Amino acid sequence: MTTPTRGPIRALSLTLFLFSLSVSLPAQAGWFDWLYKDTYTQTRYPIVLSHGLFGFDDIAGYNYWYRIPEELRRSGADVYVTQVAAANSTEVRGEQLARQVEEILAATGAEKVNLIGHSHGGPTVRYVASVYPQYVASATAVAGPHTGARMADVLLGMQQALPLTGEVIGEIVNAAVSFLDLISSGGYEQDSLAAMYSLSTEGSAEFNSHHPEGLPQDACGEAPEQASNGVRYYSWSGAKPLTNALDISDAGMGLLALLYLGEKNDGLVSSCSSHLGLVIRDDYWMNHLDEVNQIAGLTSPFETNPATVFRQHANRLKNRGL
């Protein structure tokens, strides 16, 4: 006959045994840490971030990708923040990025990388994926101006109409971005006029004729996720220039958005121009700076946090085996 207390005693003994196991094993084999490890963003290949026009990697601890690398790393991602010329042609920036990718591959032993570029960083990562597909598992463009940006067309038109004035302005801008490059330890030559041409409708069409991978065949369309070169292409962008009353950059984004005459845009890039490969979304409640969690995380409280969008994409890459 079973005594009434034997069942509770057995349950208590099992609980104590499991507790002692959880306490003793971590010190010996890391079992407890392994059991609860967060691997949501742990991709097979390193994630490499490439900034846009007038961008940088880090200035006195302030990152272009505000808190995004940290959010990716905390769940297992291996993340590298790169720096190329703040202002130069897509091809020049692409070669600079390719050299850094080679260094990352050599340092990590990885076979490939997952490239993510914001703004002019979008065409920049496309260049690397097109010319060096053996290095690249995926290329993602965040608000990349793949068919050009209206502001670049305006500035290029002014330069062509007033060559001398345009050259003077170009030299002033080059001096400013050279200083930006200097304090962020870049050391690259700057050419703002070459950058403007690359970002214009004319320059983008020329670039696309040489590097068509991932581009939709129809305007504002979508391309297959995997291109003929074996690289997977993705894109997303915002469509709301005004997002946070506390953000001093919103006023500028709102004014620049007027150049698009009502066409959906994020303040600098139209939604249709941002399309590349698998289009995740082109209508986030974000402007061009919000997409990289700027300024200092002041983004719309009514939209998914930009860092979360990056985390979701890393998980997407992870689930694709990338």
C-alpha atoms as a PDB file:
ATOM      1  CA  MET A   1       0.000   0.000   0.000  1.00  0.00           C
ATOM      2  CA  THR A   2       1.441   3.438  -1.082  1.00  0.00           C
ATOM      3  CA  THR A   3       1.726   6.060   1.636  1.00  0.00           C
ATOM      4  CA  PRO A   4       0.091   9.444   0.873  1.00  0.00           C
ATOM      5  CA  THR A   5       3.384  11.342   1.204  1.00  0.00           C
ATOM      6  CA  ARG A   6       5.510   9.286  -1.240  1.00  0.00           C
ATOM      7  CA  GLY A   7       4.320  11.178  -4.386  1.00  0.00           C
ATOM      8  CA  PRO A   8       5.198  14.686  -3.113  1.00  0.00           C
ATOM      9  CA  ILE A   9       8.556  13.417  -1.831  1.00  0.00           C
ATOM     10  CA  ARG A  10       9.426  12.021  -5.273  1.00  0.00           C
ATOM     11  CA  ALA A  11       8.434  15.291  -6.970  1.00  0.00           C
ATOM     12  CA  LEU A  12      10.557  17.290  -4.529  1.00  0.00           C
ATOM     13  CA  SER A  13      13.527  14.981  -5.083  1.00  0.00           C
ATOM     14  CA  LEU A  14      13.236  15.372  -8.885  1.00  0.00           C
ATOM     15  CA  THR A  15      13.043  19.162  -8.572  1.00  0.00           C
ATOM     16  CA  LEU A  16      16.157  19.251  -6.374  1.00  0.00           C
ATOM     17  CA  PHE A  17      18.006  16.970  -8.814  1.00  0.00           C
ATOM     18  CA  LEU A  18      17.188  19.187 -11.826  1.00  0.00           C
ATOM     19  CA  PHE A  19      18.147  22.311  -9.892  1.00  0.00           C
ATOM     20  CA  SER A  20      21.518  20.852  -8.913  1.00  0.00           C
ATOM     21  CA  LEU A  21      22.073  19.809 -12.541  1.00  0.00           C
ATOM     22  CA  SER A  22      21.375  23.313 -13.831  1.00  0.00           C
ATOM     23  CA  VAL A  23      23.768  24.799 -11.274  1.00  0.00           C
ATOM     24  CA  SER A  24      26.635  22.373 -11.764  1.00  0.00           C
ATOM     25  CA  LEU A  25      26.674  21.918 -15.542  1.00  0.00           C
ATOM     26  CA  PRO A  26      27.205  25.533 -16.647  1.00  0.00           C
ATOM     27  CA  ALA A  27      30.474  25.725 -14.769  1.00  0.00           C
ATOM     28  CA  GLN A  28      31.688  22.548 -16.457  1.00  0.00           C
ATOM     29  CA  ALA A  29      30.215  22.590 -19.945  1.00  0.00           C
ATOM     30  CA  GLY A  30      28.265  25.817 -20.521  1.00  0.00           C
ATOM     31  CA  TRP A  31      25.114  23.710 -20.813  1.00  0.00           C
ATOM     32  CA  PHE A  32      22.778  26.220 -19.174  1.00  0.00           C
ATOM     33  CA  ASP A  33      24.038  29.104 -21.345  1.00  0.00           C
ATOM     34  CA  TRP A  34      23.681  26.982 -24.469  1.00  0.00           C
ATOM     35  CA  LEU A  35      20.120  26.024 -23.543  1.00  0.00           C
ATOM     36  CA  TYR A  36      18.991  29.649 -23.233  1.00  0.00           C
ATOM     37  CA  LYS A  37      21.211  31.236 -25.917  1.00  0.00           C
ATOM     38  CA  ASP A  38      19.436  33.801 -28.131  1.00  0.00           C
ATOM     39  CA  THR A  39      20.319  33.016 -31.750  1.00  0.00           C
ATOM     40  CA  TYR A  40      17.550  34.968 -33.499  1.00  0.00           C
ATOM     41  CA  THR A  41      19.988  36.976 -35.653  1.00  0.00           C
ATOM     42  CA  GLN A  42      22.809  34.442 -35.873  1.00  0.00           C
ATOM     43  CA  THR A  43      23.354  34.230 -39.620  1.00  0.00           C
ATOM     44  CA  ARG A  44      25.668  31.746 -41.269  1.00  0.00           C
ATOM     45  CA  TYR A  45      27.736  34.513 -42.851  1.00  0.00           C
ATOM     46  CA  PRO A  46      28.874  37.828 -41.311  1.00  0.00           C
ATOM     47  CA  ILE A  47      26.682  40.904 -41.804  1.00  0.00           C
ATOM     48  CA  VAL A  48      28.531  43.849 -43.355  1.00  0.00           C
ATOM     49  CA  LEU A  49      26.989  47.340 -43.175  1.00  0.00           C
ATOM     50  CA  SER A  50      27.790  50.013 -45.782  1.00  0.00           C
ATOM     51  CA  HIS A  51      26.799  53.654 -45.203  1.00  0.00           C
ATOM     52  CA  GLY A  52      25.298  56.141 -47.630  1.00  0.00           C
ATOM     53  CA  LEU A  53      26.288  59.540 -49.040  1.00  0.00           C
ATOM     54  CA  PHE A  54      28.079  61.773 -46.499  1.00  0.00           C
ATOM     55  CA  GLY A  55      28.153  58.758 -44.190  1.00  0.00           C
ATOM     56  CA  PHE A  56      30.755  57.402 -41.791  1.00  0.00           C
ATOM     57  CA  ASP A  57      31.268  54.458 -39.498  1.00  0.00           C
ATOM     58  CA  ASP A  58      31.802  56.046 -36.085  1.00  0.00           C
ATOM     59  CA  ILE A  59      32.588  59.550 -34.837  1.00  0.00           C
ATOM     60  CA  ALA A  60      33.575  59.811 -31.160  1.00  0.00           C
ATOM     61  CA  GLY A  61      31.450  56.791 -30.329  1.00  0.00           C
ATOM     62  CA  TYR A  62      28.432  57.925 -32.328  1.00  0.00           C
ATOM     63  CA  ASN A  63      27.545  55.357 -34.992  1.00  0.00           C
ATOM     64  CA  TYR A  64      25.928  55.996 -38.379  1.00  0.00           C
ATOM     65  CA  TRP A  65      23.827  52.860 -37.727  1.00  0.00           C
ATOM     66  CA  TYR A  66      22.515  54.087 -34.385  1.00  0.00           C
ATOM     67  CA  ARG A  67      22.277  51.054 -32.033  1.00  0.00           C
ATOM     68  CA  ILE A  68      21.573  48.708 -34.943  1.00  0.00           C
ATOM     69  CA  PRO A  69      24.868  46.734 -34.794  1.00  0.00           C
ATOM     70  CA  GLU A  70      24.377  46.189 -31.053  1.00  0.00           C
ATOM     71  CA  GLU A  71      20.829  44.950 -31.557  1.00  0.00           C
ATOM     72  CA  LEU A  72      21.999  42.487 -34.198  1.00  0.00           C
ATOM     73  CA  ARG A  73      24.949  41.252 -32.139  1.00  0.00           C
ATOM     74  CA  ARG A  74      22.979  40.603 -28.965  1.00  0.00           C
ATOM     75  CA  SER A  75      21.221  37.691 -30.667  1.00  0.00           C
ATOM     76  CA  GLY A  76      24.277  36.141 -32.266  1.00  0.00           C
ATOM     77  CA  ALA A  77      25.030  38.103 -35.449  1.00  0.00           C
ATOM     78  CA  ASP A  78      28.634  38.744 -36.448  1.00  0.00           C
ATOM     79  CA  VAL A  79      28.452  42.385 -37.614  1.00  0.00           C
ATOM     80  CA  TYR A  80      31.031  44.605 -39.316  1.00  0.00           C
ATOM     81  CA  VAL A  81      30.564  48.351 -39.867  1.00  0.00           C
ATOM     82  CA  THR A  82      32.567  49.544 -42.869  1.00  0.00           C
ATOM     83  CA  GLN A  83      33.583  52.975 -44.101  1.00  0.00           C
ATOM     84  CA  VAL A  84      34.065  54.064 -47.709  1.00  0.00           C
ATOM     85  CA  ALA A  85      34.382  57.529 -49.269  1.00  0.00           C
ATOM     86  CA  ALA A  86      31.652  59.780 -47.914  1.00  0.00           C
ATOM     87  CA  ALA A  87      31.187  61.179 -51.419  1.00  0.00           C
ATOM     88  CA  ASN A  88      32.401  59.487 -54.589  1.00  0.00           C
ATOM     89  CA  SER A  89      31.143  57.369 -57.475  1.00  0.00           C
ATOM     90  CA  THR A  90      29.448  54.046 -56.863  1.00  0.00           C
ATOM     91  CA  GLU A  91      32.292  52.220 -58.574  1.00  0.00           C
ATOM     92  CA  VAL A  92      34.987  53.857 -56.416  1.00  0.00           C
ATOM     93  CA  ARG A  93      33.022  53.202 -53.242  1.00  0.00           C
ATOM     94  CA  GLY A  94      32.332  49.643 -54.392  1.00  0.00           C
ATOM     95  CA  GLU A  95      36.010  48.845 -54.837  1.00  0.00           C
ATOM     96  CA  GLN A  96      36.764  50.316 -51.417  1.00  0.00           C
ATOM     97  CA  LEU A  97      34.056  48.144 -49.871  1.00  0.00           C
ATOM     98  CA  ALA A  98      35.299  45.058 -51.730  1.00  0.00           C
ATOM     99  CA  ARG A  99      38.760  45.424 -50.166  1.00  0.00           C
ATOM    100  CA  GLN A 100      37.190  45.537 -46.699  1.00  0.00           C
ATOM    101  CA  VAL A 101      35.067  42.496 -47.483  1.00  0.00           C
ATOM    102  CA  GLU A 102      38.240  40.632 -48.422  1.00  0.00           C
ATOM    103  CA  GLU A 103      39.759  41.582 -45.076  1.00  0.00           C
ATOM    104  CA  ILE A 104      36.642  40.405 -43.221  1.00  0.00           C
ATOM    105  CA  LEU A 105      36.661  37.074 -45.061  1.00  0.00           C
ATOM    106  CA  ALA A 106      40.343  36.591 -44.275  1.00  0.00           C
ATOM    107  CA  ALA A 107      39.889  37.474 -40.602  1.00  0.00           C
ATOM    108  CA  THR A 108      36.794  35.329 -40.017  1.00  0.00           C
ATOM    109  CA  GLY A 109      37.404  32.406 -42.350  1.00  0.00           C
ATOM    110  CA  ALA A 110      33.880  32.884 -43.697  1.00  0.00           C
ATOM    111  CA  GLU A 111      33.186  31.966 -47.318  1.00  0.00           C
ATOM    112  CA  LYS A 112      30.847  34.895 -47.977  1.00  0.00           C
ATOM    113  CA  VAL A 113      29.163  37.896 -46.353  1.00  0.00           C
ATOM    114  CA  ASN A 114      25.679  39.386 -46.169  1.00  0.00           C
ATOM    115  CA  LEU A 115      25.924  42.980 -47.403  1.00  0.00           C
ATOM    116  CA  ILE A 116      23.466  45.655 -46.255  1.00  0.00           C
ATOM    117  CA  GLY A 117      23.712  49.185 -47.644  1.00  0.00           C
ATOM    118  CA  HIS A 118      21.708  52.303 -46.818  1.00  0.00           C
ATOM    119  CA  SER A 119      21.036  55.030 -49.407  1.00  0.00           C
ATOM    120  CA  HIS A 120      24.112  55.226 -51.706  1.00  0.00           C
ATOM    121  CA  GLY A 121      25.260  52.148 -49.823  1.00  0.00           C
ATOM    122  CA  GLY A 122      22.563  50.248 -51.745  1.00  0.00           C
ATOM    123  CA  PRO A 123      24.177  50.655 -55.190  1.00  0.00           C
ATOM    124  CA  THR A 124      27.562  50.243 -53.492  1.00  0.00           C
ATOM    125  CA  VAL A 125      26.745  46.748 -52.206  1.00  0.00           C
ATOM    126  CA  ARG A 126      25.174  45.943 -55.585  1.00  0.00           C
ATOM    127  CA  TYR A 127      28.509  46.750 -57.223  1.00  0.00           C
ATOM    128  CA  VAL A 128      30.367  44.327 -54.965  1.00  0.00           C
ATOM    129  CA  ALA A 129      27.740  41.617 -55.493  1.00  0.00           C
ATOM    130  CA  SER A 130      27.927  42.085 -59.263  1.00  0.00           C
ATOM    131  CA  VAL A 131      31.707  42.248 -59.665  1.00  0.00           C
ATOM    132  CA  TYR A 132      32.636  39.863 -56.825  1.00  0.00           C
ATOM    133  CA  PRO A 133      29.651  37.478 -56.471  1.00  0.00           C
ATOM    134  CA  GLN A 134      31.955  34.834 -54.976  1.00  0.00           C
ATOM    135  CA  TYR A 135      32.184  37.020 -51.852  1.00  0.00           C
ATOM    136  CA  VAL A 136      28.478  37.696 -51.408  1.00  0.00           C
ATOM    137  CA  ALA A 137      25.619  35.548 -50.092  1.00  0.00           C
ATOM    138  CA  SER A 138      23.073  38.374 -50.083  1.00  0.00           C
ATOM    139  CA  ALA A 139      22.847  42.075 -50.905  1.00  0.00           C
ATOM    140  CA  THR A 140      20.225  44.202 -49.188  1.00  0.00           C
ATOM    141  CA  ALA A 141      19.463  47.817 -50.028  1.00  0.00           C
ATOM    142  CA  VAL A 142      17.751  50.060 -47.480  1.00  0.00           C
ATOM    143  CA  ALA A 143      16.274  53.014 -49.404  1.00  0.00           C
ATOM    144  CA  GLY A 144      18.796  52.629 -52.194  1.00  0.00           C
ATOM    145  CA  PRO A 145      18.231  55.021 -55.143  1.00  0.00           C
ATOM    146  CA  HIS A 146      18.539  52.361 -57.840  1.00  0.00           C
ATOM    147  CA  THR A 147      16.958  54.429 -60.596  1.00  0.00           C
ATOM    148  CA  GLY A 148      18.204  57.756 -59.272  1.00  0.00           C
ATOM    149  CA  ALA A 149      17.234  60.394 -56.728  1.00  0.00           C
ATOM    150  CA  ARG A 150      15.444  63.647 -57.583  1.00  0.00           C
ATOM    151  CA  MET A 151      17.764  65.793 -55.472  1.00  0.00           C
ATOM    152  CA  ALA A 152      20.794  64.485 -57.393  1.00  0.00           C
ATOM    153  CA  ASP A 153      19.082  65.377 -60.674  1.00  0.00           C
ATOM    154  CA  VAL A 154      18.456  68.932 -59.451  1.00  0.00           C
ATOM    155  CA  LEU A 155      22.023  69.425 -58.247  1.00  0.00           C
ATOM    156  CA  LEU A 156      23.492  67.886 -61.388  1.00  0.00           C
ATOM    157  CA  GLY A 157      21.317  70.135 -63.528  1.00  0.00           C
ATOM    158  CA  MET A 158      22.534  73.194 -61.617  1.00  0.00           C
ATOM    159  CA  GLN A 159      26.148  72.131 -62.085  1.00  0.00           C
ATOM    160  CA  GLN A 160      25.657  71.653 -65.831  1.00  0.00           C
ATOM    161  CA  ALA A 161      23.873  74.999 -66.196  1.00  0.00           C
ATOM    162  CA  LEU A 162      26.446  76.876 -64.125  1.00  0.00           C
ATOM    163  CA  PRO A 163      29.694  74.890 -64.501  1.00  0.00           C
ATOM    164  CA  LEU A 164      31.948  77.334 -62.651  1.00  0.00           C
ATOM    165  CA  THR A 165      29.505  77.749 -59.770  1.00  0.00           C
ATOM    166  CA  GLY A 166      28.962  73.997 -59.642  1.00  0.00           C
ATOM    167  CA  GLU A 167      32.693  73.331 -59.437  1.00  0.00           C
ATOM    168  CA  VAL A 168      33.118  75.856 -56.629  1.00  0.00           C
ATOM    169  CA  ILE A 169      30.241  74.315 -54.679  1.00  0.00           C
ATOM    170  CA  GLY A 170      31.699  70.887 -55.355  1.00  0.00           C
ATOM    171  CA  GLU A 171      35.052  71.910 -53.878  1.00  0.00           C
ATOM    172  CA  ILE A 172      33.342  73.322 -50.794  1.00  0.00           C
ATOM    173  CA  VAL A 173      31.378  70.112 -50.302  1.00  0.00           C
ATOM    174  CA  ASN A 174      34.519  68.034 -50.861  1.00  0.00           C
ATOM    175  CA  ALA A 175      36.311  70.005 -48.150  1.00  0.00           C
ATOM    176  CA  ALA A 176      33.417  69.488 -45.740  1.00  0.00           C
ATOM    177  CA  VAL A 177      33.139  65.748 -46.310  1.00  0.00           C
ATOM    178  CA  SER A 178      36.932  65.393 -46.209  1.00  0.00           C
ATOM    179  CA  PHE A 179      36.810  66.790 -42.684  1.00  0.00           C
ATOM    180  CA  LEU A 180      33.996  64.342 -41.848  1.00  0.00           C
ATOM    181  CA  ASP A 181      36.105  61.539 -43.290  1.00  0.00           C
ATOM    182  CA  LEU A 182      39.139  62.693 -41.305  1.00  0.00           C
ATOM    183  CA  ILE A 183      37.437  62.705 -37.897  1.00  0.00           C
ATOM    184  CA  SER A 184      35.985  59.268 -38.577  1.00  0.00           C
ATOM    185  CA  SER A 185      39.449  57.912 -39.556  1.00  0.00           C
ATOM    186  CA  GLY A 186      38.522  57.201 -43.161  1.00  0.00           C
ATOM    187  CA  GLY A 187      41.368  58.665 -45.238  1.00  0.00           C
ATOM    188  CA  TYR A 188      39.542  58.520 -48.583  1.00  0.00           C
ATOM    189  CA  GLU A 189      39.552  60.985 -51.474  1.00  0.00           C
ATOM    190  CA  GLN A 190      36.205  62.749 -51.944  1.00  0.00           C
ATOM    191  CA  ASP A 191      34.446  63.664 -55.201  1.00  0.00           C
ATOM    192  CA  SER A 192      30.977  65.068 -54.599  1.00  0.00           C
ATOM    193  CA  LEU A 193      30.288  65.702 -58.309  1.00  0.00           C
ATOM    194  CA  ALA A 194      31.035  62.055 -59.113  1.00  0.00           C
ATOM    195  CA  ALA A 195      28.679  61.058 -56.302  1.00  0.00           C
ATOM    196  CA  MET A 196      25.911  63.297 -57.655  1.00  0.00           C
ATOM    197  CA  TYR A 197      26.267  61.777 -61.120  1.00  0.00           C
ATOM    198  CA  SER A 198      26.115  58.236 -59.708  1.00  0.00           C
ATOM    199  CA  LEU A 199      22.933  59.098 -57.818  1.00  0.00           C
ATOM    200  CA  SER A 200      21.244  60.872 -60.726  1.00  0.00           C
ATOM    201  CA  THR A 201      18.749  59.262 -63.090  1.00  0.00           C
ATOM    202  CA  GLU A 202      21.301  59.379 -65.915  1.00  0.00           C
ATOM    203  CA  GLY A 203      24.144  57.982 -63.838  1.00  0.00           C
ATOM    204  CA  SER A 204      21.947  55.262 -62.322  1.00  0.00           C
ATOM    205  CA  ALA A 205      20.818  54.126 -65.784  1.00  0.00           C
ATOM    206  CA  GLU A 206      24.441  53.851 -66.888  1.00  0.00           C
ATOM    207  CA  PHE A 207      25.376  51.898 -63.756  1.00  0.00           C
ATOM    208  CA  ASN A 208      22.355  49.589 -64.120  1.00  0.00           C
ATOM    209  CA  SER A 209      23.332  48.714 -67.687  1.00  0.00           C
ATOM    210  CA  HIS A 210      26.560  47.226 -66.331  1.00  0.00           C
ATOM    211  CA  HIS A 211      25.180  45.779 -63.074  1.00  0.00           C
ATOM    212  CA  PRO A 212      21.542  44.725 -63.628  1.00  0.00           C
ATOM    213  CA  GLU A 213      21.383  41.920 -61.046  1.00  0.00           C
ATOM    214  CA  GLY A 214      18.440  42.209 -58.669  1.00  0.00           C
ATOM    215  CA  LEU A 215      16.686  44.995 -60.566  1.00  0.00           C
ATOM    216  CA  PRO A 216      12.980  44.606 -61.451  1.00  0.00           C
ATOM    217  CA  GLN A 217      12.193  44.622 -65.159  1.00  0.00           C
ATOM    218  CA  ASP A 218       9.131  46.810 -64.664  1.00  0.00           C
ATOM    219  CA  ALA A 219       9.113  50.217 -63.037  1.00  0.00           C
ATOM    220  CA  CYS A 220       8.231  49.850 -59.360  1.00  0.00           C
ATOM    221  CA  GLY A 221       8.177  46.078 -59.797  1.00  0.00           C
ATOM    222  CA  GLU A 222       9.953  43.242 -58.042  1.00  0.00           C
ATOM    223  CA  ALA A 223      12.708  40.877 -59.120  1.00  0.00           C
ATOM    224  CA  PRO A 224      13.339  37.241 -58.181  1.00  0.00           C
ATOM    225  CA  GLU A 225      14.936  36.861 -54.772  1.00  0.00           C
ATOM    226  CA  GLN A 226      17.919  35.021 -56.241  1.00  0.00           C
ATOM    227  CA  ALA A 227      19.644  36.499 -59.276  1.00  0.00           C
ATOM    228  CA  SER A 228      21.550  34.732 -62.036  1.00  0.00           C
ATOM    229  CA  ASN A 229      24.859  35.341 -60.205  1.00  0.00           C
ATOM    230  CA  GLY A 230      23.638  33.260 -57.242  1.00  0.00           C
ATOM    231  CA  VAL A 231      23.310  36.245 -54.900  1.00  0.00           C
ATOM    232  CA  ARG A 232      20.014  36.881 -53.078  1.00  0.00           C
ATOM    233  CA  TYR A 233      18.728  40.456 -53.232  1.00  0.00           C
ATOM    234  CA  TYR A 234      16.412  42.286 -50.821  1.00  0.00           C
ATOM    235  CA  SER A 235      15.176  45.814 -50.211  1.00  0.00           C
ATOM    236  CA  TRP A 236      12.990  47.964 -47.986  1.00  0.00           C
ATOM    237  CA  SER A 237      12.349  51.671 -47.502  1.00  0.00           C
ATOM    238  CA  GLY A 238      10.178  54.255 -45.791  1.00  0.00           C
ATOM    239  CA  ALA A 239       7.550  56.542 -47.275  1.00  0.00           C
ATOM    240  CA  LYS A 240       6.885  59.200 -44.622  1.00  0.00           C
ATOM    241  CA  PRO A 241       9.167  62.271 -44.515  1.00  0.00           C
ATOM    242  CA  LEU A 242       7.599  63.569 -41.284  1.00  0.00           C
ATOM    243  CA  THR A 243       7.730  61.079 -38.421  1.00  0.00           C
ATOM    244  CA  ASN A 244       8.688  62.648 -35.087  1.00  0.00           C
ATOM    245  CA  ALA A 245       8.074  66.237 -33.926  1.00  0.00           C
ATOM    246  CA  LEU A 246      11.178  66.091 -31.712  1.00  0.00           C
ATOM    247  CA  ASP A 247      13.494  65.235 -34.612  1.00  0.00           C
ATOM    248  CA  ILE A 248      15.133  68.388 -36.011  1.00  0.00           C
ATOM    249  CA  SER A 249      15.832  66.635 -39.331  1.00  0.00           C
ATOM    250  CA  ASP A 250      12.147  66.113 -40.122  1.00  0.00           C
ATOM    251  CA  ALA A 251      11.692  69.662 -41.447  1.00  0.00           C
ATOM    252  CA  GLY A 252      14.457  69.148 -43.994  1.00  0.00           C
ATOM    253  CA  MET A 253      13.083  65.789 -45.037  1.00  0.00           C
ATOM    254  CA  GLY A 254       9.652  67.344 -45.486  1.00  0.00           C
ATOM    255  CA  LEU A 255      10.981  70.110 -47.734  1.00  0.00           C
ATOM    256  CA  LEU A 256      13.052  67.740 -49.884  1.00  0.00           C
ATOM    257  CA  ALA A 257      10.032  65.458 -50.289  1.00  0.00           C
ATOM    258  CA  LEU A 258       8.267  68.237 -52.199  1.00  0.00           C
ATOM    259  CA  LEU A 259      10.592  67.571 -55.153  1.00  0.00           C
ATOM    260  CA  TYR A 260       8.684  64.347 -55.774  1.00  0.00           C
ATOM    261  CA  LEU A 261       5.380  66.188 -56.415  1.00  0.00           C
ATOM    262  CA  GLY A 262       3.287  63.735 -54.429  1.00  0.00           C
ATOM    263  CA  GLU A 263       5.108  60.545 -55.457  1.00  0.00           C
ATOM    264  CA  LYS A 264       5.637  58.232 -52.480  1.00  0.00           C
ATOM    265  CA  ASN A 265       9.079  58.865 -50.990  1.00  0.00           C
ATOM    266  CA  ASP A 266      11.103  59.021 -47.762  1.00  0.00           C
ATOM    267  CA  GLY A 267      12.332  62.588 -48.270  1.00  0.00           C
ATOM    268  CA  LEU A 268      15.269  61.691 -50.525  1.00  0.00           C
ATOM    269  CA  VAL A 269      14.423  58.466 -52.378  1.00  0.00           C
ATOM    270  CA  SER A 270      11.167  57.465 -54.037  1.00  0.00           C
ATOM    271  CA  SER A 271       9.635  54.153 -52.999  1.00  0.00           C
ATOM    272  CA  CYS A 272       9.780  52.826 -56.570  1.00  0.00           C
ATOM    273  CA  SER A 273      13.470  53.712 -56.935  1.00  0.00           C
ATOM    274  CA  SER A 274      14.216  51.693 -53.777  1.00  0.00           C
ATOM    275  CA  HIS A 275      12.963  48.396 -55.238  1.00  0.00           C
ATOM    276  CA  LEU A 276      15.544  45.627 -55.505  1.00  0.00           C
ATOM    277  CA  GLY A 277      15.082  41.856 -55.501  1.00  0.00           C
ATOM    278  CA  LEU A 278      12.523  40.751 -52.927  1.00  0.00           C
ATOM    279  CA  VAL A 279      10.813  43.930 -51.739  1.00  0.00           C
ATOM    280  CA  ILE A 280      10.072  43.510 -48.042  1.00  0.00           C
ATOM    281  CA  ARG A 281       8.217  46.826 -47.731  1.00  0.00           C
ATOM    282  CA  ASP A 282       8.398  50.236 -49.381  1.00  0.00           C
ATOM    283  CA  ASP A 283       6.027  52.106 -47.091  1.00  0.00           C
ATOM    284  CA  TYR A 284       7.395  52.045 -43.551  1.00  0.00           C
ATOM    285  CA  TRP A 285       6.468  55.126 -41.506  1.00  0.00           C
ATOM    286  CA  MET A 286      10.091  56.265 -41.757  1.00  0.00           C
ATOM    287  CA  ASN A 287      12.048  58.956 -43.537  1.00  0.00           C
ATOM    288  CA  HIS A 288      15.503  58.580 -45.046  1.00  0.00           C
ATOM    289  CA  LEU A 289      17.289  59.022 -41.714  1.00  0.00           C
ATOM    290  CA  ASP A 290      14.824  56.973 -39.667  1.00  0.00           C
ATOM    291  CA  GLU A 291      15.754  53.932 -41.753  1.00  0.00           C
ATOM    292  CA  VAL A 292      19.077  53.771 -39.899  1.00  0.00           C
ATOM    293  CA  ASN A 293      17.516  54.804 -36.565  1.00  0.00           C
ATOM    294  CA  GLN A 294      18.587  58.459 -36.844  1.00  0.00           C
ATOM    295  CA  ILE A 295      18.672  60.975 -35.388  1.00  0.00           C
ATOM    296  CA  ALA A 296      19.574  59.237 -32.089  1.00  0.00           C
ATOM    297  CA  GLY A 297      16.581  56.910 -32.294  1.00  0.00           C
ATOM    298  CA  LEU A 298      13.962  59.656 -32.727  1.00  0.00           C
ATOM    299  CA  THR A 299      11.669  57.756 -35.074  1.00  0.00           C
ATOM    300  CA  SER A 300       7.914  57.302 -35.348  1.00  0.00           C
ATOM    301  CA  PRO A 301       6.300  55.805 -32.215  1.00  0.00           C
ATOM    302  CA  PHE A 302       3.611  54.338 -34.469  1.00  0.00           C
ATOM    303  CA  GLU A 303       5.944  52.176 -36.574  1.00  0.00           C
ATOM    304  CA  THR A 304       8.181  49.174 -35.973  1.00  0.00           C
ATOM    305  CA  ASN A 305      11.522  50.289 -34.554  1.00  0.00           C
ATOM    306  CA  PRO A 306      14.176  50.412 -37.329  1.00  0.00           C
ATOM    307  CA  ALA A 307      16.520  48.210 -35.296  1.00  0.00           C
ATOM    308  CA  THR A 308      13.754  45.610 -35.095  1.00  0.00           C
ATOM    309  CA  VAL A 309      13.399  45.688 -38.894  1.00  0.00           C
ATOM    310  CA  PHE A 310      17.120  44.903 -39.176  1.00  0.00           C
ATOM    311  CA  ARG A 311      16.761  42.103 -36.625  1.00  0.00           C
ATOM    312  CA  GLN A 312      13.842  40.628 -38.544  1.00  0.00           C
ATOM    313  CA  HIS A 313      15.872  40.716 -41.736  1.00  0.00           C
ATOM    314  CA  ALA A 314      18.833  39.007 -40.075  1.00  0.00           C
ATOM    315  CA  ASN A 315      16.452  36.279 -38.964  1.00  0.00           C
ATOM    316  CA  ARG A 316      15.159  36.067 -42.539  1.00  0.00           C
ATOM    317  CA  LEU A 317      18.713  35.543 -43.779  1.00  0.00           C
ATOM    318  CA  LYS A 318      19.332  32.985 -41.062  1.00  0.00           C
ATOM    319  CA  ASN A 319      16.256  31.001 -42.094  1.00  0.00           C
ATOM    320  CA  ARG A 320      17.490  31.043 -45.713  1.00  0.00           C
ATOM    321  CA  GLY A 321      20.730  29.445 -44.575  1.00  0.00           C
ATOM    322  CA  LEU A 322      22.640  32.650 -45.197  1.00  0.00           C
END
